[in-house]
Amino acid sequence: MNGWLLGAIIAAVVIVVVIKRLKGEPLNARDLLITPVVLTGIGVASLVKAEGLTGTDLAWVIPGALLGCGLGAVRGATVHLSEKAGALWQRYTGRTFLVLVGSLVITGGFGLLATHAGVSEDARPMQLNIGVSFLGEALVIGARGLMSGVPFAPERPRR
């Protein structure tokens, strides 16, 4: 698939997820995990397909993924969880967006360091960065939801 087309599709998915969470939405396990798992899978597939990656390139992948996951976890701690109609709901807050901006600055700095270290652009797929960030967020929100004692929202039927 064309890189620009894939990037546009991923950007659209991220925008839809953020808008839905800004407005507030029922919290169910499938919706919480599907986006991060798919994006992370696409990012890993990009790494596998990349040619000419060096040991240095790969040595930056794991710390970058851990950084993204950790920043996502911090963001997940700022998401407001509440009960509506007997089920969990989630909503992004102003603090969520402050953490998001800080995360962009930190990951941007990490990317600059990686570039100065000679890390290939192919070793830093955007899909992987976004996916692990959403994964960190999902893990924290999921744990908080489980600890709340309020049941997750029922899965919506597929169309």
C-alpha atoms as a PDB file:
ATOM      1  CA  MET A   1       0.000   0.000   0.000  1.00  0.00           C
ATOM      2  CA  ASN A   2       1.204   3.505  -0.803  1.00  0.00           C
ATOM      3  CA  GLY A   3       2.851   5.150   2.221  1.00  0.00           C
ATOM      4  CA  TRP A   4       0.854   8.364   1.879  1.00  0.00           C
ATOM      5  CA  LEU A   5      -2.439   6.480   1.612  1.00  0.00           C
ATOM      6  CA  LEU A   6      -1.624   4.373   4.660  1.00  0.00           C
ATOM      7  CA  GLY A   7      -0.620   7.520   6.545  1.00  0.00           C
ATOM      8  CA  ALA A   8      -3.895   9.221   5.605  1.00  0.00           C
ATOM      9  CA  ILE A   9      -5.930   6.204   6.717  1.00  0.00           C
ATOM     10  CA  ILE A  10      -4.082   6.039  10.039  1.00  0.00           C
ATOM     11  CA  ALA A  11      -4.497   9.789  10.579  1.00  0.00           C
ATOM     12  CA  ALA A  12      -8.228   9.469   9.910  1.00  0.00           C
ATOM     13  CA  VAL A  13      -8.553   6.580  12.385  1.00  0.00           C
ATOM     14  CA  VAL A  14      -6.655   8.495  15.074  1.00  0.00           C
ATOM     15  CA  ILE A  15      -8.770  11.622  14.524  1.00  0.00           C
ATOM     16  CA  VAL A  16     -12.010   9.612  14.769  1.00  0.00           C
ATOM     17  CA  VAL A  17     -10.840   7.904  17.978  1.00  0.00           C
ATOM     18  CA  VAL A  18      -9.806  11.207  19.570  1.00  0.00           C
ATOM     19  CA  ILE A  19     -13.069  12.956  18.619  1.00  0.00           C
ATOM     20  CA  LYS A  20     -15.158  10.073  19.974  1.00  0.00           C
ATOM     21  CA  ARG A  21     -13.218  10.080  23.228  1.00  0.00           C
ATOM     22  CA  LEU A  22     -13.383  13.855  23.534  1.00  0.00           C
ATOM     23  CA  LYS A  23     -17.179  13.685  23.331  1.00  0.00           C
ATOM     24  CA  GLY A  24     -17.282  10.663  25.648  1.00  0.00           C
ATOM     25  CA  GLU A  25     -18.093   7.104  24.705  1.00  0.00           C
ATOM     26  CA  PRO A  26     -18.946   3.792  26.316  1.00  0.00           C
ATOM     27  CA  LEU A  27     -15.858   1.894  27.391  1.00  0.00           C
ATOM     28  CA  ASN A  28     -15.790  -1.651  26.078  1.00  0.00           C
ATOM     29  CA  ALA A  29     -12.819  -3.961  25.722  1.00  0.00           C
ATOM     30  CA  ARG A  30     -12.967  -4.373  21.947  1.00  0.00           C
ATOM     31  CA  ASP A  31     -13.006  -0.646  21.199  1.00  0.00           C
ATOM     32  CA  LEU A  32     -10.324  -0.042  23.830  1.00  0.00           C
ATOM     33  CA  LEU A  33      -7.882  -2.561  22.345  1.00  0.00           C
ATOM     34  CA  ILE A  34      -8.592  -2.842  18.611  1.00  0.00           C
ATOM     35  CA  THR A  35      -6.984   0.437  17.502  1.00  0.00           C
ATOM     36  CA  PRO A  36      -3.716  -0.011  19.413  1.00  0.00           C
ATOM     37  CA  VAL A  37      -3.363  -3.653  18.416  1.00  0.00           C
ATOM     38  CA  VAL A  38      -3.991  -2.928  14.719  1.00  0.00           C
ATOM     39  CA  LEU A  39      -1.670   0.098  14.611  1.00  0.00           C
ATOM     40  CA  THR A  40       1.071  -1.730  16.518  1.00  0.00           C
ATOM     41  CA  GLY A  41       0.702  -4.708  14.171  1.00  0.00           C
ATOM     42  CA  ILE A  42       1.042  -2.463  11.116  1.00  0.00           C
ATOM     43  CA  GLY A  43       4.124  -0.847  12.672  1.00  0.00           C
ATOM     44  CA  VAL A  44       5.752  -4.200  13.426  1.00  0.00           C
ATOM     45  CA  ALA A  45       4.962  -5.379   9.895  1.00  0.00           C
ATOM     46  CA  SER A  46       6.660  -2.227   8.558  1.00  0.00           C
ATOM     47  CA  LEU A  47       9.756  -3.053  10.584  1.00  0.00           C
ATOM     48  CA  VAL A  48       9.790  -6.641   9.334  1.00  0.00           C
ATOM     49  CA  LYS A  49       9.495  -5.487   5.708  1.00  0.00           C
ATOM     50  CA  ALA A  50      12.140  -2.755   6.039  1.00  0.00           C
ATOM     51  CA  GLU A  51      15.382  -3.530   4.276  1.00  0.00           C
ATOM     52  CA  GLY A  52      18.842  -2.683   5.487  1.00  0.00           C
ATOM     53  CA  LEU A  53      18.085  -2.080   9.148  1.00  0.00           C
ATOM     54  CA  THR A  54      21.192  -2.196  11.299  1.00  0.00           C
ATOM     55  CA  GLY A  55      21.713  -3.259  14.888  1.00  0.00           C
ATOM     56  CA  THR A  56      21.773   0.409  15.855  1.00  0.00           C
ATOM     57  CA  ASP A  57      18.400   0.901  14.196  1.00  0.00           C
ATOM     58  CA  LEU A  58      16.878  -2.010  16.064  1.00  0.00           C
ATOM     59  CA  ALA A  59      18.487  -0.940  19.346  1.00  0.00           C
ATOM     60  CA  TRP A  60      16.409   2.266  19.164  1.00  0.00           C
ATOM     61  CA  VAL A  61      13.117   0.475  18.464  1.00  0.00           C
ATOM     62  CA  ILE A  62      12.606  -1.045  21.916  1.00  0.00           C
ATOM     63  CA  PRO A  63      13.385   2.086  23.984  1.00  0.00           C
ATOM     64  CA  GLY A  64      11.226   4.121  21.582  1.00  0.00           C
ATOM     65  CA  ALA A  65       8.348   1.678  21.971  1.00  0.00           C
ATOM     66  CA  LEU A  66       8.705   1.661  25.757  1.00  0.00           C
ATOM     67  CA  LEU A  67       8.785   5.463  25.807  1.00  0.00           C
ATOM     68  CA  GLY A  68       5.641   5.654  23.679  1.00  0.00           C
ATOM     69  CA  CYS A  69       3.856   3.063  25.799  1.00  0.00           C
ATOM     70  CA  GLY A  70       4.832   4.874  28.997  1.00  0.00           C
ATOM     71  CA  LEU A  71       3.652   8.240  27.709  1.00  0.00           C
ATOM     72  CA  GLY A  72       0.399   6.622  26.613  1.00  0.00           C
ATOM     73  CA  ALA A  73       0.019   5.190  30.112  1.00  0.00           C
ATOM     74  CA  VAL A  74       0.413   8.674  31.602  1.00  0.00           C
ATOM     75  CA  ARG A  75      -2.227   9.922  29.161  1.00  0.00           C
ATOM     76  CA  GLY A  76      -4.512   7.030  30.168  1.00  0.00           C
ATOM     77  CA  ALA A  77      -4.304   8.169  33.796  1.00  0.00           C
ATOM     78  CA  THR A  78      -5.867  11.515  32.789  1.00  0.00           C
ATOM     79  CA  VAL A  79      -8.915  10.051  31.017  1.00  0.00           C
ATOM     80  CA  HIS A  80     -12.137  10.594  32.953  1.00  0.00           C
ATOM     81  CA  LEU A  81     -14.031   7.368  33.696  1.00  0.00           C
ATOM     82  CA  SER A  82     -17.637   7.511  34.807  1.00  0.00           C
ATOM     83  CA  GLU A  83     -20.748   5.402  35.022  1.00  0.00           C
ATOM     84  CA  LYS A  84     -23.678   5.954  32.683  1.00  0.00           C
ATOM     85  CA  ALA A  85     -26.643   3.616  32.516  1.00  0.00           C
ATOM     86  CA  GLY A  86     -24.775   1.037  34.585  1.00  0.00           C
ATOM     87  CA  ALA A  87     -21.695   0.880  32.341  1.00  0.00           C
ATOM     88  CA  LEU A  88     -18.303   2.553  32.118  1.00  0.00           C
ATOM     89  CA  TRP A  89     -17.782   5.605  29.920  1.00  0.00           C
ATOM     90  CA  GLN A  90     -14.540   7.338  29.048  1.00  0.00           C
ATOM     91  CA  ARG A  91     -13.868  10.940  28.091  1.00  0.00           C
ATOM     92  CA  TYR A  92     -10.686  12.830  27.304  1.00  0.00           C
ATOM     93  CA  THR A  93     -10.053  15.878  29.485  1.00  0.00           C
ATOM     94  CA  GLY A  94      -8.012  19.032  29.143  1.00  0.00           C
ATOM     95  CA  ARG A  95      -5.224  17.305  31.082  1.00  0.00           C
ATOM     96  CA  THR A  96      -5.302  14.495  28.519  1.00  0.00           C
ATOM     97  CA  PHE A  97      -4.474  17.004  25.793  1.00  0.00           C
ATOM     98  CA  LEU A  98      -1.745  18.634  27.899  1.00  0.00           C
ATOM     99  CA  VAL A  99      -0.138  15.206  28.313  1.00  0.00           C
ATOM    100  CA  LEU A 100      -0.582  14.603  24.581  1.00  0.00           C
ATOM    101  CA  VAL A 101       1.275  17.818  23.720  1.00  0.00           C
ATOM    102  CA  GLY A 102       4.041  16.961  26.195  1.00  0.00           C
ATOM    103  CA  SER A 103       4.254  13.476  24.707  1.00  0.00           C
ATOM    104  CA  LEU A 104       4.652  14.903  21.215  1.00  0.00           C
ATOM    105  CA  VAL A 105       7.501  17.118  22.414  1.00  0.00           C
ATOM    106  CA  ILE A 106       9.240  14.227  24.190  1.00  0.00           C
ATOM    107  CA  THR A 107       8.856  11.765  21.313  1.00  0.00           C
ATOM    108  CA  GLY A 108       9.934  14.474  18.880  1.00  0.00           C
ATOM    109  CA  GLY A 109      13.083  14.956  20.930  1.00  0.00           C
ATOM    110  CA  PHE A 110      13.648  11.212  20.986  1.00  0.00           C
ATOM    111  CA  GLY A 111      13.222  11.165  17.202  1.00  0.00           C
ATOM    112  CA  LEU A 112      15.817  13.929  16.823  1.00  0.00           C
ATOM    113  CA  LEU A 113      18.243  11.982  18.992  1.00  0.00           C
ATOM    114  CA  ALA A 114      17.614   8.889  16.893  1.00  0.00           C
ATOM    115  CA  THR A 115      18.213  10.851  13.695  1.00  0.00           C
ATOM    116  CA  HIS A 116      21.497  12.254  15.054  1.00  0.00           C
ATOM    117  CA  ALA A 117      22.505   8.701  16.021  1.00  0.00           C
ATOM    118  CA  GLY A 118      21.983   7.674  12.391  1.00  0.00           C
ATOM    119  CA  VAL A 119      18.850   5.610  12.932  1.00  0.00           C
ATOM    120  CA  SER A 120      17.045   4.877   9.672  1.00  0.00           C
ATOM    121  CA  GLU A 121      13.601   6.395   9.122  1.00  0.00           C
ATOM    122  CA  ASP A 122      12.369   2.855   8.386  1.00  0.00           C
ATOM    123  CA  ALA A 123      13.247   1.885  11.977  1.00  0.00           C
ATOM    124  CA  ARG A 124      10.777   4.450  13.328  1.00  0.00           C
ATOM    125  CA  PRO A 125       7.407   3.731  11.718  1.00  0.00           C
ATOM    126  CA  MET A 126       4.750   6.230  12.782  1.00  0.00           C
ATOM    127  CA  GLN A 127       2.150   3.452  13.044  1.00  0.00           C
ATOM    128  CA  LEU A 128       4.232   1.701  15.682  1.00  0.00           C
ATOM    129  CA  ASN A 129       4.706   4.921  17.663  1.00  0.00           C
ATOM    130  CA  ILE A 130       0.991   5.711  17.652  1.00  0.00           C
ATOM    131  CA  GLY A 131       0.014   2.093  18.293  1.00  0.00           C
ATOM    132  CA  VAL A 132       2.209   1.593  21.364  1.00  0.00           C
ATOM    133  CA  SER A 133       1.085   4.952  22.714  1.00  0.00           C
ATOM    134  CA  PHE A 134      -2.577   3.941  22.423  1.00  0.00           C
ATOM    135  CA  LEU A 135      -1.649   0.536  23.888  1.00  0.00           C
ATOM    136  CA  GLY A 136      -0.153   2.145  26.999  1.00  0.00           C
ATOM    137  CA  GLU A 137      -3.268   4.287  27.328  1.00  0.00           C
ATOM    138  CA  ALA A 138      -5.563   1.282  26.877  1.00  0.00           C
ATOM    139  CA  LEU A 139      -3.752  -0.789  29.504  1.00  0.00           C
ATOM    140  CA  VAL A 140      -4.085   1.955  32.126  1.00  0.00           C
ATOM    141  CA  ILE A 141      -7.713   2.739  31.265  1.00  0.00           C
ATOM    142  CA  GLY A 142      -8.560  -0.968  31.240  1.00  0.00           C
ATOM    143  CA  ALA A 143      -6.943  -1.502  34.652  1.00  0.00           C
ATOM    144  CA  ARG A 144      -8.686   1.560  36.074  1.00  0.00           C
ATOM    145  CA  GLY A 145     -11.977   0.336  34.646  1.00  0.00           C
ATOM    146  CA  LEU A 146     -11.549  -3.096  36.211  1.00  0.00           C
ATOM    147  CA  MET A 147     -10.652  -1.558  39.587  1.00  0.00           C
ATOM    148  CA  SER A 148     -13.722   0.707  39.495  1.00  0.00           C
ATOM    149  CA  GLY A 149     -16.094  -2.217  39.906  1.00  0.00           C
ATOM    150  CA  VAL A 150     -18.370  -0.771  37.210  1.00  0.00           C
ATOM    151  CA  PRO A 151     -18.928  -3.186  34.320  1.00  0.00           C
ATOM    152  CA  PHE A 152     -17.515  -2.382  30.917  1.00  0.00           C
ATOM    153  CA  ALA A 153     -20.106  -1.339  28.354  1.00  0.00           C
ATOM    154  CA  PRO A 154     -21.523  -4.188  26.290  1.00  0.00           C
ATOM    155  CA  GLU A 155     -19.999  -4.767  22.897  1.00  0.00           C
ATOM    156  CA  ARG A 156     -21.867  -3.039  20.108  1.00  0.00           C
ATOM    157  CA  PRO A 157     -23.158  -5.317  17.385  1.00  0.00           C
ATOM    158  CA  ARG A 158     -21.086  -5.239  14.198  1.00  0.00           C
ATOM    159  CA  ARG A 159     -22.711  -3.833  11.104  1.00  0.00           C
END
